[in-house]
N, C-alpha and C. Protein backbone atom coordinates (compact mmCIF):
# COMPACT_ATOMS: atom_id res chain seq x y z
N MET A 1 26.59 -14.51 24.06
CA MET A 1 26.55 -13.11 23.69
C MET A 1 27.95 -12.51 23.75
N LEU A 2 28.73 -12.94 24.72
CA LEU A 2 30.10 -12.45 24.84
C LEU A 2 30.90 -12.81 23.59
N GLN A 3 30.65 -13.99 23.08
CA GLN A 3 31.35 -14.44 21.89
C GLN A 3 30.97 -13.57 20.68
N ILE A 4 29.69 -13.23 20.58
CA ILE A 4 29.21 -12.45 19.44
C ILE A 4 29.75 -11.03 19.46
N ASN A 5 29.75 -10.40 20.62
CA ASN A 5 30.08 -8.98 20.72
C ASN A 5 31.50 -8.66 21.14
N LEU A 6 32.26 -9.67 21.58
CA LEU A 6 33.61 -9.37 22.03
C LEU A 6 34.65 -10.27 21.38
N ILE A 7 34.51 -11.55 21.55
CA ILE A 7 35.56 -12.48 21.12
C ILE A 7 35.73 -12.50 19.61
N ILE A 8 34.65 -12.72 18.87
CA ILE A 8 34.76 -12.80 17.41
C ILE A 8 35.22 -11.47 16.81
N PRO A 9 34.64 -10.32 17.20
CA PRO A 9 35.15 -9.06 16.64
C PRO A 9 36.62 -8.79 17.00
N PHE A 10 37.04 -9.18 18.19
CA PHE A 10 38.43 -9.00 18.60
C PHE A 10 39.36 -9.85 17.73
N GLN A 11 39.00 -11.11 17.52
CA GLN A 11 39.81 -11.99 16.68
C GLN A 11 39.85 -11.49 15.24
N LEU A 12 38.73 -10.99 14.77
CA LEU A 12 38.67 -10.44 13.41
C LEU A 12 39.58 -9.22 13.29
N ALA A 13 39.59 -8.37 14.30
CA ALA A 13 40.45 -7.18 14.29
C ALA A 13 41.93 -7.57 14.28
N ILE A 14 42.28 -8.58 15.06
CA ILE A 14 43.67 -9.04 15.07
C ILE A 14 44.08 -9.56 13.70
N ASP A 15 43.21 -10.37 13.09
CA ASP A 15 43.50 -10.88 11.75
C ASP A 15 43.64 -9.74 10.74
N LYS A 16 42.81 -8.72 10.88
CA LYS A 16 42.88 -7.58 9.96
C LYS A 16 44.21 -6.84 10.13
N LEU A 17 44.66 -6.68 11.37
CA LEU A 17 45.95 -6.03 11.62
C LEU A 17 47.11 -6.83 11.04
N LYS A 18 46.97 -8.15 11.06
CA LYS A 18 48.00 -9.03 10.51
C LYS A 18 47.83 -9.23 9.01
N ASP A 19 46.82 -8.55 8.44
CA ASP A 19 46.53 -8.63 7.00
C ASP A 19 46.18 -10.05 6.56
N LYS A 20 45.43 -10.75 7.41
CA LYS A 20 44.94 -12.08 7.05
C LYS A 20 43.54 -11.92 6.48
N ARG A 21 43.41 -12.12 5.21
CA ARG A 21 42.12 -11.91 4.55
C ARG A 21 41.20 -13.12 4.64
N ILE A 22 41.76 -14.27 4.94
CA ILE A 22 40.97 -15.50 5.01
C ILE A 22 40.06 -15.51 6.24
N GLY A 23 40.47 -14.85 7.31
CA GLY A 23 39.78 -14.91 8.58
C GLY A 23 38.34 -14.49 8.56
N ARG A 24 37.98 -13.53 7.74
CA ARG A 24 36.63 -12.99 7.75
C ARG A 24 35.56 -14.06 7.53
N GLN A 25 35.77 -14.91 6.54
CA GLN A 25 34.80 -15.97 6.27
C GLN A 25 34.70 -16.95 7.43
N LYS A 26 35.83 -17.19 8.08
CA LYS A 26 35.85 -18.10 9.22
C LYS A 26 34.96 -17.57 10.34
N TYR A 27 35.02 -16.27 10.59
CA TYR A 27 34.23 -15.69 11.67
C TYR A 27 32.75 -15.58 11.30
N LEU A 28 32.47 -15.31 10.04
CA LEU A 28 31.07 -15.29 9.61
C LEU A 28 30.45 -16.68 9.75
N LYS A 29 31.25 -17.69 9.44
CA LYS A 29 30.77 -19.06 9.59
C LYS A 29 30.52 -19.38 11.07
N ALA A 30 31.42 -18.90 11.95
CA ALA A 30 31.25 -19.12 13.38
C ALA A 30 29.97 -18.45 13.87
N LEU A 31 29.70 -17.22 13.41
CA LEU A 31 28.47 -16.53 13.80
C LEU A 31 27.23 -17.26 13.32
N SER A 32 27.32 -17.88 12.15
CA SER A 32 26.15 -18.58 11.62
C SER A 32 25.82 -19.84 12.41
N LYS A 33 26.78 -20.32 13.21
CA LYS A 33 26.54 -21.51 14.03
C LYS A 33 26.03 -21.16 15.43
N LEU A 34 26.10 -19.89 15.81
CA LEU A 34 25.66 -19.48 17.14
C LEU A 34 24.17 -19.15 17.14
N LYS A 35 23.55 -19.32 18.29
CA LYS A 35 22.13 -18.99 18.44
C LYS A 35 21.93 -17.50 18.25
N PRO A 36 20.76 -17.11 17.74
CA PRO A 36 20.49 -15.68 17.56
C PRO A 36 20.41 -14.94 18.89
N GLU A 37 20.80 -13.68 18.87
CA GLU A 37 20.68 -12.84 20.05
C GLU A 37 19.20 -12.58 20.34
N SER A 38 18.94 -12.16 21.54
CA SER A 38 17.58 -11.76 21.89
C SER A 38 17.66 -10.41 22.59
N ASN A 39 17.19 -9.38 21.90
CA ASN A 39 17.13 -8.05 22.50
C ASN A 39 15.91 -7.33 21.92
N SER A 40 15.67 -6.13 22.35
CA SER A 40 14.45 -5.43 21.94
C SER A 40 14.38 -5.20 20.43
N ILE A 41 15.50 -4.93 19.81
CA ILE A 41 15.51 -4.68 18.37
C ILE A 41 15.17 -5.96 17.61
N ILE A 42 15.79 -7.06 18.01
CA ILE A 42 15.54 -8.34 17.35
C ILE A 42 14.09 -8.78 17.60
N LYS A 43 13.57 -8.52 18.77
CA LYS A 43 12.17 -8.86 19.04
C LYS A 43 11.23 -8.10 18.12
N ARG A 44 11.57 -6.84 17.82
CA ARG A 44 10.74 -6.06 16.88
C ARG A 44 10.81 -6.63 15.47
N TRP A 45 12.00 -7.08 15.05
CA TRP A 45 12.13 -7.70 13.73
C TRP A 45 11.24 -8.95 13.67
N LYS A 46 11.27 -9.74 14.76
CA LYS A 46 10.47 -10.96 14.79
C LYS A 46 8.97 -10.63 14.72
N LYS A 47 8.55 -9.55 15.38
CA LYS A 47 7.13 -9.13 15.31
C LYS A 47 6.74 -8.79 13.88
N LEU A 48 7.70 -8.31 13.09
CA LEU A 48 7.44 -7.99 11.69
C LEU A 48 7.39 -9.24 10.81
N GLY A 49 7.70 -10.38 11.41
CA GLY A 49 7.63 -11.63 10.68
C GLY A 49 8.96 -12.10 10.10
N VAL A 50 10.05 -11.47 10.49
CA VAL A 50 11.36 -11.87 9.99
C VAL A 50 11.81 -13.11 10.75
N GLU A 51 12.17 -14.16 10.01
CA GLU A 51 12.66 -15.39 10.62
C GLU A 51 14.16 -15.26 10.86
N ILE A 52 14.59 -15.50 12.08
CA ILE A 52 15.98 -15.32 12.46
C ILE A 52 16.51 -16.64 13.00
N ASN A 53 17.58 -17.15 12.37
CA ASN A 53 18.09 -18.47 12.74
C ASN A 53 19.48 -18.49 13.36
N SER A 54 20.22 -17.39 13.27
CA SER A 54 21.60 -17.42 13.77
C SER A 54 22.05 -16.03 14.23
N ALA A 55 23.17 -16.03 14.93
CA ALA A 55 23.77 -14.77 15.37
C ALA A 55 24.24 -13.94 14.18
N ASN A 56 24.61 -14.60 13.11
CA ASN A 56 25.01 -13.89 11.90
C ASN A 56 23.85 -13.04 11.37
N GLU A 57 22.67 -13.61 11.39
CA GLU A 57 21.48 -12.89 10.92
C GLU A 57 21.12 -11.74 11.86
N THR A 58 21.23 -11.96 13.17
CA THR A 58 20.90 -10.88 14.10
C THR A 58 21.87 -9.72 13.93
N GLN A 59 23.14 -10.02 13.69
CA GLN A 59 24.12 -8.96 13.49
C GLN A 59 23.78 -8.16 12.23
N GLY A 60 23.35 -8.84 11.19
CA GLY A 60 22.96 -8.16 9.95
C GLY A 60 21.74 -7.27 10.16
N LEU A 61 20.76 -7.76 10.90
CA LEU A 61 19.56 -6.97 11.16
C LEU A 61 19.85 -5.76 12.04
N LEU A 62 20.73 -5.93 13.02
CA LEU A 62 21.12 -4.79 13.86
C LEU A 62 21.85 -3.74 13.01
N GLU A 63 22.71 -4.19 12.12
CA GLU A 63 23.43 -3.26 11.24
C GLU A 63 22.46 -2.56 10.30
N GLN A 64 21.51 -3.30 9.77
CA GLN A 64 20.50 -2.72 8.89
C GLN A 64 19.74 -1.61 9.61
N LYS A 65 19.32 -1.88 10.84
CA LYS A 65 18.58 -0.88 11.60
C LYS A 65 19.45 0.35 11.85
N ASN A 66 20.69 0.13 12.25
CA ASN A 66 21.58 1.26 12.57
C ASN A 66 21.92 2.10 11.34
N ARG A 67 22.17 1.46 10.22
CA ARG A 67 22.62 2.20 9.03
C ARG A 67 21.49 2.73 8.16
N LEU A 68 20.37 2.05 8.18
CA LEU A 68 19.27 2.47 7.30
C LEU A 68 18.08 3.02 8.07
N CYS A 69 17.55 2.25 8.98
CA CYS A 69 16.35 2.71 9.71
C CYS A 69 16.62 3.97 10.53
N ASN A 70 17.68 3.92 11.31
CA ASN A 70 17.98 5.08 12.17
C ASN A 70 18.29 6.33 11.36
N GLU A 71 18.84 6.14 10.17
CA GLU A 71 19.20 7.27 9.29
C GLU A 71 18.07 7.64 8.34
N LYS A 72 16.92 6.94 8.47
CA LYS A 72 15.74 7.18 7.61
C LYS A 72 16.07 7.07 6.12
N LYS A 73 16.82 6.02 5.78
CA LYS A 73 17.19 5.75 4.39
C LYS A 73 16.32 4.62 3.84
N CYS A 74 15.03 4.79 3.97
CA CYS A 74 14.06 3.76 3.60
C CYS A 74 14.16 3.36 2.12
N LEU A 75 14.48 4.31 1.26
CA LEU A 75 14.54 4.02 -0.17
C LEU A 75 15.74 3.15 -0.55
N PHE A 76 16.67 2.95 0.36
CA PHE A 76 17.82 2.09 0.11
C PHE A 76 17.61 0.69 0.67
N CYS A 77 16.43 0.43 1.19
CA CYS A 77 16.12 -0.82 1.88
C CYS A 77 14.93 -1.51 1.21
N GLY A 78 15.04 -2.80 0.98
CA GLY A 78 13.95 -3.54 0.39
C GLY A 78 12.68 -3.50 1.21
N ILE A 79 12.82 -3.58 2.52
CA ILE A 79 11.65 -3.53 3.41
C ILE A 79 11.03 -2.16 3.36
N GLY A 80 11.85 -1.12 3.45
CA GLY A 80 11.36 0.25 3.41
C GLY A 80 10.64 0.55 2.10
N LYS A 81 11.21 0.09 0.99
CA LYS A 81 10.58 0.30 -0.31
C LYS A 81 9.21 -0.36 -0.38
N SER A 82 9.12 -1.58 0.14
CA SER A 82 7.83 -2.28 0.07
C SER A 82 6.78 -1.62 0.96
N VAL A 83 7.20 -1.12 2.12
CA VAL A 83 6.26 -0.43 3.01
C VAL A 83 5.79 0.86 2.38
N LEU A 84 6.69 1.62 1.78
CA LEU A 84 6.32 2.90 1.17
C LEU A 84 5.47 2.72 -0.09
N ALA A 85 5.56 1.56 -0.72
CA ALA A 85 4.79 1.30 -1.94
C ALA A 85 3.34 0.96 -1.64
N LEU A 86 3.02 0.67 -0.39
CA LEU A 86 1.63 0.27 -0.04
C LEU A 86 0.66 1.38 -0.24
């Protein structure tokens, strides 16, 4: 978890300051090799039937929740659209 939330973002920030554009893909690849996080938000995604295989996916789902769900932007989300269409 320390690697997901501290080390990789810190290294990415350093690369960004040095204007290294190649680094981003390297860190995304590293996240895809790490085990998925386990927290209350991710557990709720799993209850909805979302299959989660890596830390990269958990980071995406956390971002989705923060930017779309928390802001009630359901119409900008594939899941929200499908739920509202029922």
